[in-house]
C-alpha atoms as a PDB file:
ATOM      1  CA  MET A   1      67.549  88.141  96.580  1.00  0.00           C
ATOM      2  CA  SER A   2      70.345  89.467  94.348  1.00  0.00           C
ATOM      3  CA  GLU A   3      73.102  87.151  93.186  1.00  0.00           C
ATOM      4  CA  ILE A   4      76.339  87.244  95.173  1.00  0.00           C
ATOM      5  CA  PRO A   5      79.154  88.663  93.004  1.00  0.00           C
ATOM      6  CA  SER A   6      81.751  86.182  91.760  1.00  0.00           C
ATOM      7  CA  PRO A   7      85.471  86.796  91.130  1.00  0.00           C
ATOM      8  CA  GLN A   8      84.872  85.438  87.623  1.00  0.00           C
ATOM      9  CA  GLN A   9      82.934  88.632  86.842  1.00  0.00           C
ATOM     10  CA  ASN A  10      86.237  90.506  86.858  1.00  0.00           C
ATOM     11  CA  HIS A  11      87.962  89.849  83.543  1.00  0.00           C
ATOM     12  CA  LEU A  12      91.493  90.008  84.926  1.00  0.00           C
ATOM     13  CA  LEU A  13      90.768  87.424  87.602  1.00  0.00           C
ATOM     14  CA  ALA A  14      88.907  85.254  85.105  1.00  0.00           C
ATOM     15  CA  ALA A  15      91.867  85.346  82.692  1.00  0.00           C
ATOM     16  CA  LEU A  16      94.383  84.035  85.225  1.00  0.00           C
ATOM     17  CA  PRO A  17      95.649  80.471  84.840  1.00  0.00           C
ATOM     18  CA  VAL A  18      94.022  77.974  87.185  1.00  0.00           C
ATOM     19  CA  GLU A  19      97.081  77.587  89.444  1.00  0.00           C
ATOM     20  CA  ILE A  20      97.276  81.315  90.105  1.00  0.00           C
ATOM     21  CA  ARG A  21      93.546  81.558  90.774  1.00  0.00           C
ATOM     22  CA  HIS A  22      93.836  78.710  93.254  1.00  0.00           C
ATOM     23  CA  ARG A  23      96.488  80.690  95.143  1.00  0.00           C
ATOM     24  CA  LEU A  24      94.736  84.055  95.081  1.00  0.00           C
ATOM     25  CA  LEU A  25      90.999  83.414  95.236  1.00  0.00           C
ATOM     26  CA  PRO A  26      90.941  82.190  98.862  1.00  0.00           C
ATOM     27  CA  GLN A  27      92.611  85.508  99.831  1.00  0.00           C
ATOM     28  CA  LEU A  28      90.017  87.727  98.138  1.00  0.00           C
ATOM     29  CA  GLU A  29      87.506  89.719 100.184  1.00  0.00           C
ATOM     30  CA  LEU A  30      84.214  90.950  98.787  1.00  0.00           C
ATOM     31  CA  VAL A  31      83.704  94.658  99.464  1.00  0.00           C
ATOM     32  CA  SER A  32      80.712  96.918  98.900  1.00  0.00           C
ATOM     33  CA  PHE A  33      81.292 100.230  97.108  1.00  0.00           C
ATOM     34  CA  PRO A  34      78.591 102.876  97.696  1.00  0.00           C
ATOM     35  CA  LEU A  35      78.304 105.720  95.198  1.00  0.00           C
ATOM     36  CA  GLY A  36      80.837 108.464  95.909  1.00  0.00           C
ATOM     37  CA  LYS A  37      83.088 106.314  98.112  1.00  0.00           C
ATOM     38  CA  VAL A  38      86.701 107.538  98.028  1.00  0.00           C
ATOM     39  CA  LEU A  39      89.096 104.584  97.952  1.00  0.00           C
ATOM     40  CA  TYR A  40      92.200 106.703  98.282  1.00  0.00           C
ATOM     41  CA  GLU A  41      93.400 110.288  98.024  1.00  0.00           C
ATOM     42  CA  PRO A  42      96.546 111.587  96.287  1.00  0.00           C
ATOM     43  CA  GLY A  43      99.656 110.550  98.208  1.00  0.00           C
ATOM     44  CA  ASP A  44      97.982 107.786 100.219  1.00  0.00           C
ATOM     45  CA  VAL A  45     100.051 104.634 100.635  1.00  0.00           C
ATOM     46  CA  LEU A  46      98.135 101.812  98.955  1.00  0.00           C
ATOM     47  CA  ARG A  47      97.578  98.621 100.939  1.00  0.00           C
ATOM     48  CA  TYR A  48      95.105  96.807  98.705  1.00  0.00           C
ATOM     49  CA  VAL A  49      94.242  96.288  95.069  1.00  0.00           C
ATOM     50  CA  TYR A  50      90.579  96.112  94.045  1.00  0.00           C
ATOM     51  CA  PHE A  51      89.041  94.021  91.268  1.00  0.00           C
ATOM     52  CA  PRO A  52      85.580  95.491  90.448  1.00  0.00           C
ATOM     53  CA  THR A  53      82.767  93.148  89.419  1.00  0.00           C
ATOM     54  CA  ASP A  54      79.748  95.425  88.873  1.00  0.00           C
ATOM     55  CA  SER A  55      81.058  98.788  90.097  1.00  0.00           C
ATOM     56  CA  ILE A  56      82.964 101.534  88.287  1.00  0.00           C
ATOM     57  CA  ILE A  57      85.735 103.604  89.838  1.00  0.00           C
ATOM     58  CA  SER A  58      86.995 106.861  88.374  1.00  0.00           C
ATOM     59  CA  LEU A  59      90.577 107.989  88.766  1.00  0.00           C
ATOM     60  CA  LEU A  60      90.724 111.769  89.017  1.00  0.00           C
ATOM     61  CA  TYR A  61      93.507 114.311  89.119  1.00  0.00           C
ATOM     62  CA  VAL A  62      92.886 116.941  91.791  1.00  0.00           C
ATOM     63  CA  MET A  63      94.149 120.507  91.492  1.00  0.00           C
ATOM     64  CA  GLU A  64      95.323 122.688  94.390  1.00  0.00           C
ATOM     65  CA  ASN A  65      92.049 124.643  94.322  1.00  0.00           C
ATOM     66  CA  GLY A  66      90.033 121.435  94.707  1.00  0.00           C
ATOM     67  CA  ALA A  67      88.931 121.171  91.080  1.00  0.00           C
ATOM     68  CA  ALA A  68      89.148 117.651  89.684  1.00  0.00           C
ATOM     69  CA  ALA A  69      88.808 115.896  86.340  1.00  0.00           C
ATOM     70  CA  ASP A  70      88.478 112.252  85.361  1.00  0.00           C
ATOM     71  CA  ILE A  71      91.585 110.668  83.816  1.00  0.00           C
ATOM     72  CA  SER A  72      90.313 107.089  83.494  1.00  0.00           C
ATOM     73  CA  VAL A  73      87.514 104.732  84.468  1.00  0.00           C
ATOM     74  CA  VAL A  74      88.008 101.208  85.778  1.00  0.00           C
ATOM     75  CA  GLY A  75      85.397  98.475  85.963  1.00  0.00           C
ATOM     76  CA  ASN A  76      85.215  94.738  85.498  1.00  0.00           C
ATOM     77  CA  GLU A  77      87.974  94.840  82.869  1.00  0.00           C
ATOM     78  CA  GLY A  78      90.690  95.745  85.357  1.00  0.00           C
ATOM     79  CA  LEU A  79      91.852  96.690  88.809  1.00  0.00           C
ATOM     80  CA  ILE A  80      92.503  99.645  91.074  1.00  0.00           C
ATOM     81  CA  GLY A  81      95.993  99.905  92.572  1.00  0.00           C
ATOM     82  CA  VAL A  82      98.460  99.703  89.678  1.00  0.00           C
ATOM     83  CA  ALA A  83     100.993 101.728  91.690  1.00  0.00           C
ATOM     84  CA  LEU A  84     101.435  98.807  94.087  1.00  0.00           C
ATOM     85  CA  PHE A  85     102.964  96.397  91.615  1.00  0.00           C
ATOM     86  CA  MET A  86     104.703  99.125  89.605  1.00  0.00           C
ATOM     87  CA  GLY A  87     106.771  99.981  92.683  1.00  0.00           C
ATOM     88  CA  GLY A  88     105.405 103.424  93.476  1.00  0.00           C
ATOM     89  CA  GLU A  89     103.260 102.384  96.475  1.00  0.00           C
ATOM     90  CA  SER A  90     101.266 105.641  96.165  1.00  0.00           C
ATOM     91  CA  THR A  91      99.729 107.723  93.384  1.00  0.00           C
ATOM     92  CA  SER A  92      98.884 111.346  92.616  1.00  0.00           C
ATOM     93  CA  SER A  93      95.273 110.547  91.693  1.00  0.00           C
ATOM     94  CA  ARG A  94      92.042 110.144  93.670  1.00  0.00           C
ATOM     95  CA  ALA A  95      89.910 107.007  93.254  1.00  0.00           C
ATOM     96  CA  VAL A  96      86.135 107.555  93.566  1.00  0.00           C
ATOM     97  CA  VAL A  97      83.245 105.151  93.051  1.00  0.00           C
ATOM     98  CA  GLN A  98      81.159 106.539  90.182  1.00  0.00           C
ATOM     99  CA  SER A  99      78.778 103.559  89.947  1.00  0.00           C
ATOM    100  CA  ALA A 100      77.911 101.630  93.103  1.00  0.00           C
ATOM    101  CA  GLY A 101      78.456  97.896  93.299  1.00  0.00           C
ATOM    102  CA  TYR A 102      81.012  95.375  94.475  1.00  0.00           C
ATOM    103  CA  ALA A 103      84.673  94.513  94.087  1.00  0.00           C
ATOM    104  CA  PHE A 104      87.091  91.939  95.429  1.00  0.00           C
ATOM    105  CA  ARG A 105      90.069  93.269  97.290  1.00  0.00           C
ATOM    106  CA  LEU A 106      93.447  91.625  97.758  1.00  0.00           C
ATOM    107  CA  ARG A 107      96.296  92.597 100.045  1.00  0.00           C
ATOM    108  CA  GLY A 108      98.925  94.400  98.030  1.00  0.00           C
ATOM    109  CA  GLN A 109     101.773  92.212  99.242  1.00  0.00           C
ATOM    110  CA  LEU A 110     100.049  89.075  97.974  1.00  0.00           C
ATOM    111  CA  LEU A 111      99.687  90.606  94.511  1.00  0.00           C
ATOM    112  CA  LYS A 112     103.319  91.737  94.523  1.00  0.00           C
ATOM    113  CA  ASP A 113     104.477  88.261  95.527  1.00  0.00           C
ATOM    114  CA  GLU A 114     102.590  86.776  92.586  1.00  0.00           C
ATOM    115  CA  PHE A 115     103.778  89.547  90.261  1.00  0.00           C
ATOM    116  CA  ASN A 116     107.400  88.868  91.249  1.00  0.00           C
ATOM    117  CA  ARG A 117     107.123  85.209  90.251  1.00  0.00           C
ATOM    118  CA  HIS A 118     107.647  86.569  86.718  1.00  0.00           C
ATOM    119  CA  GLY A 119     104.874  84.419  85.319  1.00  0.00           C
ATOM    120  CA  GLU A 120     101.497  84.985  83.725  1.00  0.00           C
ATOM    121  CA  MET A 121     100.414  87.485  86.401  1.00  0.00           C
ATOM    122  CA  LEU A 122     103.290  89.823  85.534  1.00  0.00           C
ATOM    123  CA  ARG A 123     102.499  89.676  81.810  1.00  0.00           C
ATOM    124  CA  LEU A 124      98.785  90.270  82.365  1.00  0.00           C
ATOM    125  CA  MET A 125      99.282  93.174  84.790  1.00  0.00           C
ATOM    126  CA  LEU A 126     101.757  94.934  82.498  1.00  0.00           C
ATOM    127  CA  ARG A 127      99.433  94.605  79.513  1.00  0.00           C
ATOM    128  CA  TYR A 128      96.557  95.972  81.588  1.00  0.00           C
ATOM    129  CA  THR A 129      98.742  98.894  82.696  1.00  0.00           C
ATOM    130  CA  GLN A 130      99.517  99.718  79.056  1.00  0.00           C
ATOM    131  CA  ALA A 131      95.789  99.710  78.259  1.00  0.00           C
ATOM    132  CA  LEU A 132      95.150 102.016  81.228  1.00  0.00           C
ATOM    133  CA  ILE A 133      97.905 104.398  80.116  1.00  0.00           C
ATOM    134  CA  THR A 134      96.302 104.507  76.661  1.00  0.00           C
ATOM    135  CA  GLN A 135      92.982 105.486  78.199  1.00  0.00           C
ATOM    136  CA  MET A 136      94.623 108.227  80.293  1.00  0.00           C
ATOM    137  CA  ALA A 137      96.489 109.648  77.306  1.00  0.00           C
ATOM    138  CA  GLN A 138      93.418 109.579  75.080  1.00  0.00           C
ATOM    139  CA  THR A 139      91.348 111.259  77.792  1.00  0.00           C
ATOM    140  CA  ALA A 140      93.863 114.127  77.938  1.00  0.00           C
ATOM    141  CA  VAL A 141      93.653 114.583  74.161  1.00  0.00           C
ATOM    142  CA  CYS A 142      89.862 114.326  74.228  1.00  0.00           C
ATOM    143  CA  ASN A 143      89.508 116.961  76.948  1.00  0.00           C
ATOM    144  CA  ARG A 144      91.625 119.351  74.885  1.00  0.00           C
ATOM    145  CA  HIS A 145      90.156 118.880  71.415  1.00  0.00           C
ATOM    146  CA  HIS A 146      86.592 117.545  71.586  1.00  0.00           C
ATOM    147  CA  SER A 147      83.220 118.993  72.521  1.00  0.00           C
ATOM    148  CA  ILE A 148      81.288 118.292  75.710  1.00  0.00           C
ATOM    149  CA  ASP A 149      78.741 116.355  73.632  1.00  0.00           C
ATOM    150  CA  GLN A 150      81.432 114.041  72.243  1.00  0.00           C
ATOM    151  CA  ARG A 151      83.137 113.640  75.611  1.00  0.00           C
ATOM    152  CA  LEU A 152      79.846 112.686  77.261  1.00  0.00           C
ATOM    153  CA  CYS A 153      79.252 110.020  74.600  1.00  0.00           C
ATOM    154  CA  ARG A 154      82.782 108.664  75.082  1.00  0.00           C
ATOM    155  CA  TRP A 155      82.380 108.583  78.833  1.00  0.00           C
ATOM    156  CA  LEU A 156      79.007 106.817  78.653  1.00  0.00           C
ATOM    157  CA  LEU A 157      80.406 104.178  76.297  1.00  0.00           C
ATOM    158  CA  LEU A 158      83.476 103.515  78.433  1.00  0.00           C
ATOM    159  CA  SER A 159      81.234 103.159  81.481  1.00  0.00           C
ATOM    160  CA  LEU A 160      78.812 100.816  79.696  1.00  0.00           C
ATOM    161  CA  ASP A 161      81.688  98.584  78.597  1.00  0.00           C
ATOM    162  CA  ARG A 162      82.516  98.045  82.263  1.00  0.00           C
ATOM    163  CA  LEU A 163      79.020  97.154  83.469  1.00  0.00           C
ATOM    164  CA  PRO A 164      76.438  94.521  82.574  1.00  0.00           C
ATOM    165  CA  GLY A 165      73.292  95.794  80.837  1.00  0.00           C
ATOM    166  CA  ASN A 166      72.568  99.192  79.302  1.00  0.00           C
ATOM    167  CA  GLN A 167      71.910 101.359  82.370  1.00  0.00           C
ATOM    168  CA  LEU A 168      73.960 103.694  84.536  1.00  0.00           C
ATOM    169  CA  VAL A 169      72.942 105.198  87.869  1.00  0.00           C
ATOM    170  CA  MET A 170      74.528 108.616  87.641  1.00  0.00           C
ATOM    171  CA  THR A 171      73.546 112.218  88.358  1.00  0.00           C
ATOM    172  CA  GLN A 172      74.385 114.979  85.908  1.00  0.00           C
ATOM    173  CA  GLU A 173      76.287 116.770  88.656  1.00  0.00           C
ATOM    174  CA  LEU A 174      78.569 113.779  89.190  1.00  0.00           C
ATOM    175  CA  ILE A 175      79.165 113.424  85.456  1.00  0.00           C
ATOM    176  CA  ALA A 176      80.049 117.122  85.259  1.00  0.00           C
ATOM    177  CA  ASN A 177      82.533 116.701  88.124  1.00  0.00           C
ATOM    178  CA  MET A 178      84.109 113.685  86.433  1.00  0.00           C
ATOM    179  CA  LEU A 179      84.494 115.478  83.097  1.00  0.00           C
ATOM    180  CA  GLY A 180      85.604 118.744  84.701  1.00  0.00           C
ATOM    181  CA  VAL A 181      82.872 120.840  83.079  1.00  0.00           C
ATOM    182  CA  ARG A 182      79.887 122.894  84.230  1.00  0.00           C
ATOM    183  CA  ARG A 183      76.720 121.000  85.089  1.00  0.00           C
ATOM    184  CA  GLU A 184      74.772 123.106  82.587  1.00  0.00           C
ATOM    185  CA  GLY A 185      76.961 121.746  79.783  1.00  0.00           C
ATOM    186  CA  ILE A 186      76.149 118.146  80.723  1.00  0.00           C
ATOM    187  CA  THR A 187      72.446 118.967  81.069  1.00  0.00           C
ATOM    188  CA  GLU A 188      72.368 120.387  77.544  1.00  0.00           C
ATOM    189  CA  ALA A 189      74.382 117.495  76.080  1.00  0.00           C
ATOM    190  CA  ALA A 190      72.122 114.927  77.773  1.00  0.00           C
ATOM    191  CA  ARG A 191      69.036 116.773  76.524  1.00  0.00           C
ATOM    192  CA  LYS A 192      70.320 116.495  72.932  1.00  0.00           C
ATOM    193  CA  LEU A 193      70.894 112.747  73.325  1.00  0.00           C
ATOM    194  CA  GLN A 194      67.392 112.288  74.731  1.00  0.00           C
ATOM    195  CA  LYS A 195      65.866 114.251  71.867  1.00  0.00           C
ATOM    196  CA  LEU A 196      67.662 111.995  69.386  1.00  0.00           C
ATOM    197  CA  GLY A 197      66.367 108.903  71.165  1.00  0.00           C
ATOM    198  CA  VAL A 198      69.862 107.761  72.107  1.00  0.00           C
ATOM    199  CA  ILE A 199      69.349 107.777  75.880  1.00  0.00           C
ATOM    200  CA  GLU A 200      66.591 108.096  78.423  1.00  0.00           C
ATOM    201  CA  TYR A 201      67.394 109.989  81.602  1.00  0.00           C
ATOM    202  CA  CYS A 202      65.193 110.018  84.693  1.00  0.00           C
ATOM    203  CA  ARG A 203      66.159 110.787  88.280  1.00  0.00           C
ATOM    204  CA  GLY A 204      69.767 109.747  87.991  1.00  0.00           C
ATOM    205  CA  LEU A 205      69.116 106.639  85.885  1.00  0.00           C
ATOM    206  CA  ILE A 206      70.579 106.715  82.372  1.00  0.00           C
ATOM    207  CA  THR A 207      69.299 104.077  79.956  1.00  0.00           C
ATOM    208  CA  VAL A 208      71.048 103.757  76.596  1.00  0.00           C
ATOM    209  CA  LEU A 209      68.420 103.084  73.915  1.00  0.00           C
ATOM    210  CA  ASP A 210      70.603 103.246  70.802  1.00  0.00           C
ATOM    211  CA  ARG A 211      74.205 102.261  71.404  1.00  0.00           C
ATOM    212  CA  ALA A 212      75.117 102.269  67.702  1.00  0.00           C
ATOM    213  CA  GLN A 213      74.116 105.917  67.385  1.00  0.00           C
ATOM    214  CA  LEU A 214      75.914 106.740  70.641  1.00  0.00           C
ATOM    215  CA  GLU A 215      79.111 105.352  69.106  1.00  0.00           C
ATOM    216  CA  GLU A 216      78.559 107.419  65.951  1.00  0.00           C
ATOM    217  CA  LEU A 217      78.146 110.601  68.003  1.00  0.00           C
ATOM    218  CA  SER A 218      81.249 109.929  70.090  1.00  0.00           C
ATOM    219  CA  CYS A 219      84.666 111.157  69.036  1.00  0.00           C
ATOM    220  CA  GLU A 220      87.373 108.768  67.832  1.00  0.00           C
ATOM    221  CA  CYS A 221      88.806 108.535  71.351  1.00  0.00           C
ATOM    222  CA  TYR A 222      86.390 105.826  72.441  1.00  0.00           C
ATOM    223  CA  ALA A 223      87.293 103.568  69.501  1.00  0.00           C
ATOM    224  CA  VAL A 224      91.026 104.069  70.128  1.00  0.00           C
ATOM    225  CA  VAL A 225      90.737 103.053  73.794  1.00  0.00           C
ATOM    226  CA  LYS A 226      88.467 100.093  73.066  1.00  0.00           C
ATOM    227  CA  HIS A 227      90.671  98.797  70.254  1.00  0.00           C
ATOM    228  CA  GLU A 228      93.815  98.994  72.374  1.00  0.00           C
ATOM    229  CA  THR A 229      92.126  97.369  75.374  1.00  0.00           C
ATOM    230  CA  ASP A 230      90.803  94.531  73.224  1.00  0.00           C
ATOM    231  CA  ARG A 231      94.217  94.101  71.591  1.00  0.00           C
ATOM    232  CA  LEU A 232      96.153  93.991  74.857  1.00  0.00           C
ATOM    233  CA  LEU A 233      93.644  92.039  76.887  1.00  0.00           C
ATOM    234  CA  PRO A 234      92.019  89.359  74.704  1.00  0.00           C
ATOM    235  CA  TYR A 235      90.502  87.636  77.702  1.00  0.00           C
ATOM    236  CA  ALA A 236      90.202  83.899  77.189  1.00  0.00           C
ATOM    237  CA  VAL A 237      87.361  81.863  78.650  1.00  0.00           C
ATOM    238  CA  PRO A 238      88.820  80.616  81.948  1.00  0.00           C
ATOM    239  CA  GLU A 239      88.948  76.989  82.952  1.00  0.00           C
ATOM    240  CA  PRO A 240      86.465  76.165  85.731  1.00  0.00           C
ATOM    241  CA  LEU A 241      87.775  75.821  89.240  1.00  0.00           C
ATOM    242  CA  SER A 242      87.946  72.235  90.426  1.00  0.00           C
ATOM    243  CA  ARG A 243      86.870  73.129  93.943  1.00  0.00           C
ATOM    244  CA  PRO A 244      84.682  75.800  95.534  1.00  0.00           C
ATOM    245  CA  VAL A 245      86.368  78.792  97.109  1.00  0.00           C
ATOM    246  CA  CYS A 246      85.049  80.587 100.183  1.00  0.00           C
ATOM    247  CA  HIS A 247      85.380  84.363 100.383  1.00  0.00           C
ATOM    248  CA  ALA A 248      85.326  86.614 103.391  1.00  0.00           C
ATOM    249  CA  PHE A 249      82.784  89.460 103.231  1.00  0.00           C
ATOM    250  CA  THR A 250      83.324  92.963 104.505  1.00  0.00           C
ATOM    251  CA  ALA A 251      80.968  95.883 104.069  1.00  0.00           C
ATOM    252  CA  HIS A 252      83.595  98.588 103.637  1.00  0.00           C
ATOM    253  CA  ALA A 253      86.617  99.188 101.470  1.00  0.00           C
ATOM    254  CA  HIS A 254      88.906 100.042 104.388  1.00  0.00           C
END
């Protein structure tokens, strides 16, 4: 039987002071995210924020003709729903599950109430938002100036940083959609990485065999995003909770 996800697996939740965690953790609901699940579409009013534990969500910008491209990835380092506490209530992006798993969701009003206390939650959320903006900006630069091979390496590394282990369950078609390129380009780039012994790819399962070489083959964009995220969010080891917390379980994100 697999282990039940814990809120402590999300770095933002784990970094909160004990008093804030005591207020918020009883309100968290565990939700299951199947691959390809759309959490919201552009213009939707957001009602919840999501704290991933072992899932990855891609934020994509969608064009009028239906074409889309990834602008950032979010995993256990952050949350989905920044627009809620920034005052916008909705966003122009689409949020899609790119790696199945779990997350904890929290009603948006509860997060805003905590945010408006002007304490540690506000500071942490603003620093996370700056890290997310850095990733979005670097992704735009990367898409303009770097090759498909480099962009694939960057994307794999960012995804790995947000999951335990060294494996990703991901089809080449989905990767191509996320990066906004033709599937043939991803197939060729993945073939090169396999030939070099950097990854192993079989039936949608990507195993990274040589992370050091993957970092060497990536463009500078990965290092920029990682450095800024580490600088802004130096997650401390949280103090243990003094009492157990019960969490409601729901099988769907809505």
